[in-house]
C-alpha atoms as a PDB file:
ATOM      1  CA  UNK A   1       0.056   0.058   0.032  1.00  0.00           C
ATOM      2  CA  UNK A   2       1.290   3.489  -0.788  1.00  0.00           C
ATOM      3  CA  UNK A   3       3.024   5.665   1.775  1.00  0.00           C
ATOM      4  CA  UNK A   4       0.812   8.137   1.185  1.00  0.00           C
ATOM      5  CA  UNK A   5      -0.201   9.556   4.513  1.00  0.00           C
ATOM      6  CA  UNK A   6       1.661   9.212   7.421  1.00  0.00           C
ATOM      7  CA  UNK A   7      -0.199   7.054  10.175  1.00  0.00           C
ATOM      8  CA  UNK A   8       0.633   7.048  13.530  1.00  0.00           C
ATOM      9  CA  UNK A   9      -0.635   4.321  16.099  1.00  0.00           C
ATOM     10  CA  UNK A  10      -1.306   4.802  19.441  1.00  0.00           C
ATOM     11  CA  UNK A  11      -3.015   2.378  21.920  1.00  0.00           C
ATOM     12  CA  UNK A  12      -3.451   0.310  18.959  1.00  0.00           C
ATOM     13  CA  UNK A  13      -5.537   3.154  17.130  1.00  0.00           C
ATOM     14  CA  UNK A  14      -3.954   4.777  13.385  1.00  0.00           C
ATOM     15  CA  UNK A  15      -4.112   8.816  13.599  1.00  0.00           C
ATOM     16  CA  UNK A  16      -3.021  10.973  11.078  1.00  0.00           C
ATOM     17  CA  UNK A  17      -2.296  14.880  10.658  1.00  0.00           C
ATOM     18  CA  UNK A  18      -4.592  17.524  10.064  1.00  0.00           C
ATOM     19  CA  UNK A  19      -3.007  17.998   6.709  1.00  0.00           C
ATOM     20  CA  UNK A  20      -3.001  14.168   5.705  1.00  0.00           C
ATOM     21  CA  UNK A  21      -6.976  14.417   7.185  1.00  0.00           C
ATOM     22  CA  UNK A  22      -7.495  17.076   4.489  1.00  0.00           C
ATOM     23  CA  UNK A  23      -5.834  15.454   1.636  1.00  0.00           C
ATOM     24  CA  UNK A  24      -7.587  12.059   2.760  1.00  0.00           C
ATOM     25  CA  UNK A  25     -11.056  13.374   2.735  1.00  0.00           C
ATOM     26  CA  UNK A  26     -10.320  15.896  -0.549  1.00  0.00           C
ATOM     27  CA  UNK A  27     -11.227  18.948   1.416  1.00  0.00           C
ATOM     28  CA  UNK A  28      -9.026  22.182   1.095  1.00  0.00           C
ATOM     29  CA  UNK A  29      -8.853  23.953   4.523  1.00  0.00           C
ATOM     30  CA  UNK A  30      -9.083  23.067   7.998  1.00  0.00           C
ATOM     31  CA  UNK A  31     -12.440  25.369   8.726  1.00  0.00           C
ATOM     32  CA  UNK A  32     -14.018  22.246   6.438  1.00  0.00           C
ATOM     33  CA  UNK A  33     -12.715  19.816   8.001  1.00  0.00           C
ATOM     34  CA  UNK A  34     -13.540  21.200  11.377  1.00  0.00           C
ATOM     35  CA  UNK A  35     -17.397  21.484  10.215  1.00  0.00           C
ATOM     36  CA  UNK A  36     -17.835  17.837   9.914  1.00  0.00           C
ATOM     37  CA  UNK A  37     -17.003  17.704  13.388  1.00  0.00           C
ATOM     38  CA  UNK A  38     -13.785  16.621  15.303  1.00  0.00           C
ATOM     39  CA  UNK A  39     -11.885  12.938  16.851  1.00  0.00           C
ATOM     40  CA  UNK A  40      -8.599  14.197  17.724  1.00  0.00           C
ATOM     41  CA  UNK A  41      -5.821  13.065  20.410  1.00  0.00           C
ATOM     42  CA  UNK A  42      -3.406  15.264  21.514  1.00  0.00           C
ATOM     43  CA  UNK A  43       0.438  13.955  23.324  1.00  0.00           C
ATOM     44  CA  UNK A  44       1.920  16.394  24.890  1.00  0.00           C
ATOM     45  CA  UNK A  45       3.062  19.633  23.204  1.00  0.00           C
ATOM     46  CA  UNK A  46       2.697  18.009  19.781  1.00  0.00           C
ATOM     47  CA  UNK A  47      -0.211  18.928  17.523  1.00  0.00           C
ATOM     48  CA  UNK A  48      -3.108  17.301  17.684  1.00  0.00           C
ATOM     49  CA  UNK A  49      -3.540  14.049  15.693  1.00  0.00           C
ATOM     50  CA  UNK A  50      -7.050  13.431  13.741  1.00  0.00           C
ATOM     51  CA  UNK A  51      -8.513   9.403  14.149  1.00  0.00           C
ATOM     52  CA  UNK A  52      -8.081   7.478  10.999  1.00  0.00           C
ATOM     53  CA  UNK A  53     -11.103   5.510  11.938  1.00  0.00           C
ATOM     54  CA  UNK A  54     -13.006   8.674  11.920  1.00  0.00           C
ATOM     55  CA  UNK A  55     -12.191  10.221   8.953  1.00  0.00           C
ATOM     56  CA  UNK A  56     -13.250   6.834   6.936  1.00  0.00           C
ATOM     57  CA  UNK A  57     -16.302   7.027   8.436  1.00  0.00           C
ATOM     58  CA  UNK A  58     -16.646  11.034   7.349  1.00  0.00           C
ATOM     59  CA  UNK A  59     -15.434  10.049   3.945  1.00  0.00           C
ATOM     60  CA  UNK A  60     -18.052   7.332   3.580  1.00  0.00           C
ATOM     61  CA  UNK A  61     -20.860   9.807   4.117  1.00  0.00           C
ATOM     62  CA  UNK A  62     -19.139  12.351   2.148  1.00  0.00           C
ATOM     63  CA  UNK A  63     -22.576  13.664   0.936  1.00  0.00           C
ATOM     64  CA  UNK A  64     -22.279  15.662   3.944  1.00  0.00           C
ATOM     65  CA  UNK A  65     -20.132  18.430   2.165  1.00  0.00           C
ATOM     66  CA  UNK A  66     -20.840  18.578  -1.778  1.00  0.00           C
ATOM     67  CA  UNK A  67     -17.112  19.401  -2.043  1.00  0.00           C
ATOM     68  CA  UNK A  68     -15.463  16.521  -0.242  1.00  0.00           C
ATOM     69  CA  UNK A  69     -13.645  14.416  -2.705  1.00  0.00           C
ATOM     70  CA  UNK A  70     -12.345  11.944  -0.222  1.00  0.00           C
ATOM     71  CA  UNK A  71      -9.543   9.233  -1.700  1.00  0.00           C
ATOM     72  CA  UNK A  72     -11.873   6.044  -1.548  1.00  0.00           C
ATOM     73  CA  UNK A  73      -9.054   4.126  -3.231  1.00  0.00           C
ATOM     74  CA  UNK A  74      -6.460   4.933  -0.669  1.00  0.00           C
ATOM     75  CA  UNK A  75      -9.007   3.721   2.034  1.00  0.00           C
ATOM     76  CA  UNK A  76      -9.861   0.709   0.406  1.00  0.00           C
ATOM     77  CA  UNK A  77      -6.403  -0.517   0.427  1.00  0.00           C
ATOM     78  CA  UNK A  78      -5.540   0.833   3.746  1.00  0.00           C
ATOM     79  CA  UNK A  79      -8.897  -1.317   4.843  1.00  0.00           C
ATOM     80  CA  UNK A  80      -7.831  -4.453   3.047  1.00  0.00           C
ATOM     81  CA  UNK A  81      -4.364  -4.433   5.242  1.00  0.00           C
ATOM     82  CA  UNK A  82      -6.176  -4.536   8.045  1.00  0.00           C
ATOM     83  CA  UNK A  83      -8.751  -7.137   6.921  1.00  0.00           C
ATOM     84  CA  UNK A  84      -5.357  -9.497   6.098  1.00  0.00           C
ATOM     85  CA  UNK A  85      -3.408  -8.751   9.239  1.00  0.00           C
ATOM     86  CA  UNK A  86      -6.297  -9.238  11.316  1.00  0.00           C
ATOM     87  CA  UNK A  87      -6.982 -12.550   9.373  1.00  0.00           C
ATOM     88  CA  UNK A  88      -3.493 -13.543   9.594  1.00  0.00           C
ATOM     89  CA  UNK A  89      -3.151 -12.966  13.617  1.00  0.00           C
ATOM     90  CA  UNK A  90      -6.619 -15.150  13.764  1.00  0.00           C
ATOM     91  CA  UNK A  91      -4.832 -18.112  11.941  1.00  0.00           C
ATOM     92  CA  UNK A  92      -1.905 -17.731  13.716  1.00  0.00           C
ATOM     93  CA  UNK A  93      -3.523 -18.041  17.315  1.00  0.00           C
ATOM     94  CA  UNK A  94      -5.763 -20.820  16.031  1.00  0.00           C
ATOM     95  CA  UNK A  95      -2.914 -23.157  14.852  1.00  0.00           C
ATOM     96  CA  UNK A  96      -0.404 -21.895  17.668  1.00  0.00           C
ATOM     97  CA  UNK A  97      -0.645 -25.318  19.548  1.00  0.00           C
ATOM     98  CA  UNK A  98       1.808 -27.258  17.376  1.00  0.00           C
ATOM     99  CA  UNK A  99       2.801 -30.779  18.366  1.00  0.00           C
ATOM    100  CA  UNK A 100       6.511 -31.552  18.451  1.00  0.00           C
ATOM    101  CA  UNK A 101       7.533 -34.606  15.410  1.00  0.00           C
ATOM    102  CA  UNK A 102       8.731 -37.936  16.938  1.00  0.00           C
ATOM    103  CA  UNK A 103       5.669 -39.610  15.814  1.00  0.00           C
ATOM    104  CA  UNK A 104       6.956 -41.633  12.579  1.00  0.00           C
ATOM    105  CA  UNK A 105       7.313 -44.726  14.287  1.00  0.00           C
ATOM    106  CA  UNK A 106       4.261 -44.199  16.565  1.00  0.00           C
ATOM    107  CA  UNK A 107       2.064 -43.357  13.450  1.00  0.00           C
ATOM    108  CA  UNK A 108       4.107 -46.671  11.273  1.00  0.00           C
ATOM    109  CA  UNK A 109       2.457 -48.822  14.183  1.00  0.00           C
ATOM    110  CA  UNK A 110      -0.498 -47.236  14.086  1.00  0.00           C
ATOM    111  CA  UNK A 111      -1.009 -48.230  10.179  1.00  0.00           C
ATOM    112  CA  UNK A 112      -0.433 -52.221  11.349  1.00  0.00           C
ATOM    113  CA  UNK A 113      -3.071 -51.310  13.736  1.00  0.00           C
ATOM    114  CA  UNK A 114      -5.622 -49.760  11.015  1.00  0.00           C
ATOM    115  CA  UNK A 115      -4.694 -52.922   8.809  1.00  0.00           C
ATOM    116  CA  UNK A 116      -5.714 -55.679  11.629  1.00  0.00           C
ATOM    117  CA  UNK A 117      -8.920 -53.489  11.831  1.00  0.00           C
ATOM    118  CA  UNK A 118      -9.634 -52.727   8.422  1.00  0.00           C
ATOM    119  CA  UNK A 119      -8.158 -55.395   6.210  1.00  0.00           C
ATOM    120  CA  UNK A 120      -8.042 -53.932   2.606  1.00  0.00           C
ATOM    121  CA  UNK A 121      -9.859 -55.948  -0.074  1.00  0.00           C
ATOM    122  CA  UNK A 122      -7.941 -57.883  -2.995  1.00  0.00           C
ATOM    123  CA  UNK A 123      -8.498 -54.556  -5.536  1.00  0.00           C
ATOM    124  CA  UNK A 124      -7.558 -51.471  -4.282  1.00  0.00           C
ATOM    125  CA  UNK A 125      -7.642 -48.684  -6.770  1.00  0.00           C
ATOM    126  CA  UNK A 126      -4.867 -46.127  -7.065  1.00  0.00           C
ATOM    127  CA  UNK A 127      -2.318 -47.301  -4.679  1.00  0.00           C
ATOM    128  CA  UNK A 128       0.988 -47.403  -7.117  1.00  0.00           C
ATOM    129  CA  UNK A 129       1.429 -43.548  -7.023  1.00  0.00           C
ATOM    130  CA  UNK A 130       4.510 -42.057  -8.605  1.00  0.00           C
ATOM    131  CA  UNK A 131       5.272 -39.420  -6.074  1.00  0.00           C
ATOM    132  CA  UNK A 132       8.082 -37.862  -7.036  1.00  0.00           C
ATOM    133  CA  UNK A 133       6.693 -36.492 -10.325  1.00  0.00           C
ATOM    134  CA  UNK A 134       3.249 -35.604  -8.099  1.00  0.00           C
ATOM    135  CA  UNK A 135       5.341 -33.496  -5.775  1.00  0.00           C
ATOM    136  CA  UNK A 136       7.642 -31.829  -8.331  1.00  0.00           C
ATOM    137  CA  UNK A 137       4.033 -30.764  -9.980  1.00  0.00           C
ATOM    138  CA  UNK A 138       2.599 -29.197  -6.905  1.00  0.00           C
ATOM    139  CA  UNK A 139       5.815 -28.491  -5.804  1.00  0.00           C
ATOM    140  CA  UNK A 140       5.281 -29.888  -2.146  1.00  0.00           C
ATOM    141  CA  UNK A 141       6.762 -33.303  -0.259  1.00  0.00           C
ATOM    142  CA  UNK A 142       3.499 -34.960   0.866  1.00  0.00           C
ATOM    143  CA  UNK A 143       3.959 -36.673   4.409  1.00  0.00           C
ATOM    144  CA  UNK A 144       5.556 -40.445   4.277  1.00  0.00           C
ATOM    145  CA  UNK A 145       2.588 -41.462   6.408  1.00  0.00           C
ATOM    146  CA  UNK A 146      -0.011 -40.416   4.152  1.00  0.00           C
ATOM    147  CA  UNK A 147       2.322 -42.292   1.374  1.00  0.00           C
ATOM    148  CA  UNK A 148       1.966 -45.350   3.285  1.00  0.00           C
ATOM    149  CA  UNK A 149      -1.591 -45.309   4.091  1.00  0.00           C
ATOM    150  CA  UNK A 150      -2.142 -44.538   0.160  1.00  0.00           C
ATOM    151  CA  UNK A 151       0.137 -47.623  -0.596  1.00  0.00           C
ATOM    152  CA  UNK A 152      -2.031 -50.174   1.419  1.00  0.00           C
ATOM    153  CA  UNK A 153      -5.487 -48.387   1.003  1.00  0.00           C
ATOM    154  CA  UNK A 154      -5.188 -46.416  -2.643  1.00  0.00           C
ATOM    155  CA  UNK A 155      -8.135 -44.076  -3.434  1.00  0.00           C
ATOM    156  CA  UNK A 156     -10.765 -46.268  -1.228  1.00  0.00           C
ATOM    157  CA  UNK A 157     -13.295 -44.553   0.279  1.00  0.00           C
ATOM    158  CA  UNK A 158     -13.872 -44.834   4.179  1.00  0.00           C
ATOM    159  CA  UNK A 159     -17.266 -45.670   5.776  1.00  0.00           C
ATOM    160  CA  UNK A 160     -19.172 -44.296   2.574  1.00  0.00           C
ATOM    161  CA  UNK A 161     -18.048 -41.150   3.713  1.00  0.00           C
ATOM    162  CA  UNK A 162     -14.485 -39.770   3.555  1.00  0.00           C
ATOM    163  CA  UNK A 163     -12.625 -39.844   0.070  1.00  0.00           C
ATOM    164  CA  UNK A 164      -8.646 -39.498   0.095  1.00  0.00           C
ATOM    165  CA  UNK A 165      -7.419 -37.529  -2.580  1.00  0.00           C
ATOM    166  CA  UNK A 166      -4.623 -38.769  -4.981  1.00  0.00           C
ATOM    167  CA  UNK A 167      -4.105 -39.167  -8.947  1.00  0.00           C
ATOM    168  CA  UNK A 168      -6.934 -41.197  -9.922  1.00  0.00           C
ATOM    169  CA  UNK A 169      -5.396 -43.555 -12.646  1.00  0.00           C
ATOM    170  CA  UNK A 170      -6.680 -41.337 -15.348  1.00  0.00           C
ATOM    171  CA  UNK A 171      -5.363 -37.862 -14.321  1.00  0.00           C
ATOM    172  CA  UNK A 172      -1.576 -37.248 -15.113  1.00  0.00           C
ATOM    173  CA  UNK A 173       0.247 -34.966 -11.851  1.00  0.00           C
ATOM    174  CA  UNK A 174      -0.502 -31.639 -13.790  1.00  0.00           C
ATOM    175  CA  UNK A 175      -4.746 -32.656 -13.845  1.00  0.00           C
ATOM    176  CA  UNK A 176      -4.590 -33.987 -10.528  1.00  0.00           C
ATOM    177  CA  UNK A 177      -2.873 -30.155  -9.540  1.00  0.00           C
ATOM    178  CA  UNK A 178      -5.288 -28.394 -11.428  1.00  0.00           C
ATOM    179  CA  UNK A 179      -8.292 -30.657  -9.421  1.00  0.00           C
ATOM    180  CA  UNK A 180      -6.686 -29.837  -6.143  1.00  0.00           C
ATOM    181  CA  UNK A 181      -6.655 -25.979  -6.867  1.00  0.00           C
ATOM    182  CA  UNK A 182     -10.441 -26.639  -7.751  1.00  0.00           C
ATOM    183  CA  UNK A 183     -10.877 -28.496  -4.401  1.00  0.00           C
ATOM    184  CA  UNK A 184      -9.102 -25.600  -2.482  1.00  0.00           C
ATOM    185  CA  UNK A 185     -10.934 -22.795  -4.410  1.00  0.00           C
ATOM    186  CA  UNK A 186     -14.173 -24.500  -3.489  1.00  0.00           C
ATOM    187  CA  UNK A 187     -13.633 -24.629   0.307  1.00  0.00           C
ATOM    188  CA  UNK A 188     -11.101 -21.614   1.196  1.00  0.00           C
ATOM    189  CA  UNK A 189     -12.121 -19.323  -1.359  1.00  0.00           C
ATOM    190  CA  UNK A 190     -14.650 -17.446   0.569  1.00  0.00           C
ATOM    191  CA  UNK A 191     -14.485 -16.124   4.490  1.00  0.00           C
ATOM    192  CA  UNK A 192     -13.616 -19.027   6.312  1.00  0.00           C
ATOM    193  CA  UNK A 193     -13.935 -18.289  10.398  1.00  0.00           C
ATOM    194  CA  UNK A 194     -13.001 -20.041  13.541  1.00  0.00           C
ATOM    195  CA  UNK A 195     -14.923 -20.936  15.874  1.00  0.00           C
ATOM    196  CA  UNK A 196     -15.385 -17.847  17.377  1.00  0.00           C
ATOM    197  CA  UNK A 197     -16.719 -16.252  14.325  1.00  0.00           C
ATOM    198  CA  UNK A 198     -13.308 -14.575  13.374  1.00  0.00           C
ATOM    199  CA  UNK A 199     -11.626 -14.556   9.373  1.00  0.00           C
ATOM    200  CA  UNK A 200      -8.981 -16.471   9.154  1.00  0.00           C
ATOM    201  CA  UNK A 201      -6.258 -16.626   6.371  1.00  0.00           C
ATOM    202  CA  UNK A 202      -6.255 -19.119   3.868  1.00  0.00           C
ATOM    203  CA  UNK A 203      -2.986 -19.556   1.977  1.00  0.00           C
ATOM    204  CA  UNK A 204      -3.079 -21.560  -1.079  1.00  0.00           C
ATOM    205  CA  UNK A 205      -0.848 -24.539  -1.546  1.00  0.00           C
ATOM    206  CA  UNK A 206       2.511 -23.556  -2.558  1.00  0.00           C
ATOM    207  CA  UNK A 207       3.103 -20.678  -0.492  1.00  0.00           C
ATOM    208  CA  UNK A 208       4.502 -20.366   2.647  1.00  0.00           C
ATOM    209  CA  UNK A 209       2.014 -22.424   5.200  1.00  0.00           C
ATOM    210  CA  UNK A 210      -0.406 -23.023   2.765  1.00  0.00           C
ATOM    211  CA  UNK A 211      -3.627 -25.351   3.375  1.00  0.00           C
ATOM    212  CA  UNK A 212      -3.155 -28.547   0.784  1.00  0.00           C
ATOM    213  CA  UNK A 213      -6.427 -30.477   0.794  1.00  0.00           C
ATOM    214  CA  UNK A 214      -6.032 -34.318   1.348  1.00  0.00           C
ATOM    215  CA  UNK A 215      -9.269 -35.403   1.880  1.00  0.00           C
ATOM    216  CA  UNK A 216     -12.762 -35.000   1.502  1.00  0.00           C
ATOM    217  CA  UNK A 217     -16.268 -35.680   2.941  1.00  0.00           C
ATOM    218  CA  UNK A 218     -19.508 -36.134   1.624  1.00  0.00           C
ATOM    219  CA  UNK A 219     -21.343 -34.257   4.321  1.00  0.00           C
ATOM    220  CA  UNK A 220     -19.437 -31.201   2.578  1.00  0.00           C
ATOM    221  CA  UNK A 221     -16.036 -31.078   4.687  1.00  0.00           C
ATOM    222  CA  UNK A 222     -12.337 -30.578   3.427  1.00  0.00           C
ATOM    223  CA  UNK A 223      -9.680 -31.379   5.066  1.00  0.00           C
ATOM    224  CA  UNK A 224      -6.161 -29.697   4.558  1.00  0.00           C
ATOM    225  CA  UNK A 225      -2.513 -29.643   5.879  1.00  0.00           C
ATOM    226  CA  UNK A 226      -1.577 -26.385   6.573  1.00  0.00           C
ATOM    227  CA  UNK A 227       2.162 -26.850   5.572  1.00  0.00           C
ATOM    228  CA  UNK A 228       4.003 -25.097   7.362  1.00  0.00           C
ATOM    229  CA  UNK A 229       7.391 -27.114   9.187  1.00  0.00           C
ATOM    230  CA  UNK A 230       8.178 -30.872   8.231  1.00  0.00           C
ATOM    231  CA  UNK A 231       5.608 -32.526   6.347  1.00  0.00           C
ATOM    232  CA  UNK A 232       4.995 -34.963   9.670  1.00  0.00           C
ATOM    233  CA  UNK A 233       4.423 -31.980  11.844  1.00  0.00           C
ATOM    234  CA  UNK A 234       1.728 -30.469   9.850  1.00  0.00           C
ATOM    235  CA  UNK A 235      -1.813 -29.150  11.672  1.00  0.00           C
ATOM    236  CA  UNK A 236      -4.931 -30.602   9.543  1.00  0.00           C
ATOM    237  CA  UNK A 237      -7.512 -27.720   9.344  1.00  0.00           C
ATOM    238  CA  UNK A 238     -11.254 -28.765   8.693  1.00  0.00           C
ATOM    239  CA  UNK A 239     -13.724 -27.060   6.967  1.00  0.00           C
ATOM    240  CA  UNK A 240     -17.221 -27.158   6.916  1.00  0.00           C
ATOM    241  CA  UNK A 241     -19.643 -24.643   5.704  1.00  0.00           C
ATOM    242  CA  UNK A 242     -17.351 -22.078   5.944  1.00  0.00           C
ATOM    243  CA  UNK A 243     -16.155 -22.944   9.738  1.00  0.00           C
ATOM    244  CA  UNK A 244     -12.635 -24.371  10.717  1.00  0.00           C
ATOM    245  CA  UNK A 245     -11.224 -26.805  13.141  1.00  0.00           C
ATOM    246  CA  UNK A 246      -7.768 -26.996  12.965  1.00  0.00           C
ATOM    247  CA  UNK A 247      -6.412 -30.335  14.708  1.00  0.00           C
ATOM    248  CA  UNK A 248      -2.800 -30.083  15.938  1.00  0.00           C
ATOM    249  CA  UNK A 249      -0.401 -32.689  14.067  1.00  0.00           C
ATOM    250  CA  UNK A 250      -2.059 -35.431  13.219  1.00  0.00           C
ATOM    251  CA  UNK A 251      -1.855 -38.016  10.425  1.00  0.00           C
ATOM    252  CA  UNK A 252      -5.065 -39.802   8.376  1.00  0.00           C
ATOM    253  CA  UNK A 253      -3.751 -43.116   9.639  1.00  0.00           C
ATOM    254  CA  UNK A 254      -3.972 -41.943  13.055  1.00  0.00           C
ATOM    255  CA  UNK A 255      -7.447 -39.991  12.597  1.00  0.00           C
ATOM    256  CA  UNK A 256      -9.138 -43.168  11.490  1.00  0.00           C
ATOM    257  CA  UNK A 257      -7.572 -45.481  14.193  1.00  0.00           C
ATOM    258  CA  UNK A 258      -7.915 -42.899  17.024  1.00  0.00           C
ATOM    259  CA  UNK A 259     -11.558 -42.441  15.420  1.00  0.00           C
ATOM    260  CA  UNK A 260     -12.420 -46.244  15.514  1.00  0.00           C
ATOM    261  CA  UNK A 261     -11.194 -46.873  18.691  1.00  0.00           C
ATOM    262  CA  UNK A 262     -13.006 -44.036  20.428  1.00  0.00           C
ATOM    263  CA  UNK A 263     -10.284 -42.018  21.760  1.00  0.00           C
ATOM    264  CA  UNK A 264     -11.280 -38.776  22.122  1.00  0.00           C
ATOM    265  CA  UNK A 265      -8.957 -36.639  19.256  1.00  0.00           C
ATOM    266  CA  UNK A 266     -10.969 -36.991  16.718  1.00  0.00           C
ATOM    267  CA  UNK A 267     -14.349 -36.548  18.381  1.00  0.00           C
ATOM    268  CA  UNK A 268     -14.465 -32.570  18.050  1.00  0.00           C
ATOM    269  CA  UNK A 269     -14.955 -32.760  14.145  1.00  0.00           C
ATOM    270  CA  UNK A 270     -16.071 -36.662  13.798  1.00  0.00           C
ATOM    271  CA  UNK A 271     -18.423 -36.881  17.302  1.00  0.00           C
ATOM    272  CA  UNK A 272     -18.414 -40.369  18.924  1.00  0.00           C
ATOM    273  CA  UNK A 273     -18.090 -43.301  17.232  1.00  0.00           C
ATOM    274  CA  UNK A 274     -20.475 -45.234  19.616  1.00  0.00           C
ATOM    275  CA  UNK A 275     -23.342 -42.729  18.103  1.00  0.00           C
ATOM    276  CA  UNK A 276     -22.157 -43.683  14.648  1.00  0.00           C
ATOM    277  CA  UNK A 277     -22.363 -47.315  15.342  1.00  0.00           C
ATOM    278  CA  UNK A 278     -25.790 -47.067  16.889  1.00  0.00           C
ATOM    279  CA  UNK A 279     -27.019 -45.412  13.699  1.00  0.00           C
ATOM    280  CA  UNK A 280     -24.898 -46.874  10.853  1.00  0.00           C
ATOM    281  CA  UNK A 281     -22.729 -50.130  12.416  1.00  0.00           C
ATOM    282  CA  UNK A 282     -22.719 -51.672   9.146  1.00  0.00           C
ATOM    283  CA  UNK A 283     -20.624 -48.270   7.431  1.00  0.00           C
ATOM    284  CA  UNK A 284     -17.913 -49.023  10.035  1.00  0.00           C
ATOM    285  CA  UNK A 285     -16.265 -51.801   7.701  1.00  0.00           C
ATOM    286  CA  UNK A 286     -17.546 -50.328   4.339  1.00  0.00           C
ATOM    287  CA  UNK A 287     -14.493 -49.809   1.859  1.00  0.00           C
ATOM    288  CA  UNK A 288     -15.348 -49.271  -1.521  1.00  0.00           C
END
């Protein structure tokens, strides 16, 4: 954003000088400015500073003075910068509780546990992925735990509900990247809010900390990794109806095993497995 006006931040609020205030509203004199009212702050013997939020409010009501020609283009860029800053703060707060990764061997043991609980069928689609080509096109190295999971279960759908995202046999790595971009745009392009209703930033995969979709649900939810740090340390974000839930670092294998065993890690997103069993017991064994 252009440094057109010198902004002073005091106690978290932005202020500008009287000359910048006049320029911002497109007024030629201090008298015209003061005719609108006043929202100023004085620090010691320095000249009063004018509240930027108050000036913007006047600019939005520019019919007050016919001669007012506010700098709406700068105001919009300023407000966008503030909005982006707040969104980034909220996102960082949401994902601040990261877990450290000593989880490679633990995840491997969980995969063996999952194979015992949910033996895969004889025919498994898309289990042999050329990950080197996929990662080269997408520009991101996938977690080894996900690759191991796909080698075991491929693109099987779980419980008639959860679908891991891998390149189907008729998709090239480039087409798969385009597909992931479509999934991202559908789920993350509009305003996504955290549990407090605050908008969070949703950077796309390929940018630092970008969101890489790896699974979807038939209820409309999308699961993505927050690609910050080593792949096995990535947090998971789930978005449903523009509302986000963020989990500490957890592999897809751990998600499934934890939920099937009634452990608390996944109940915040998937609810109780016992409740699921009451209403859809047969689906707990479905791999299709």
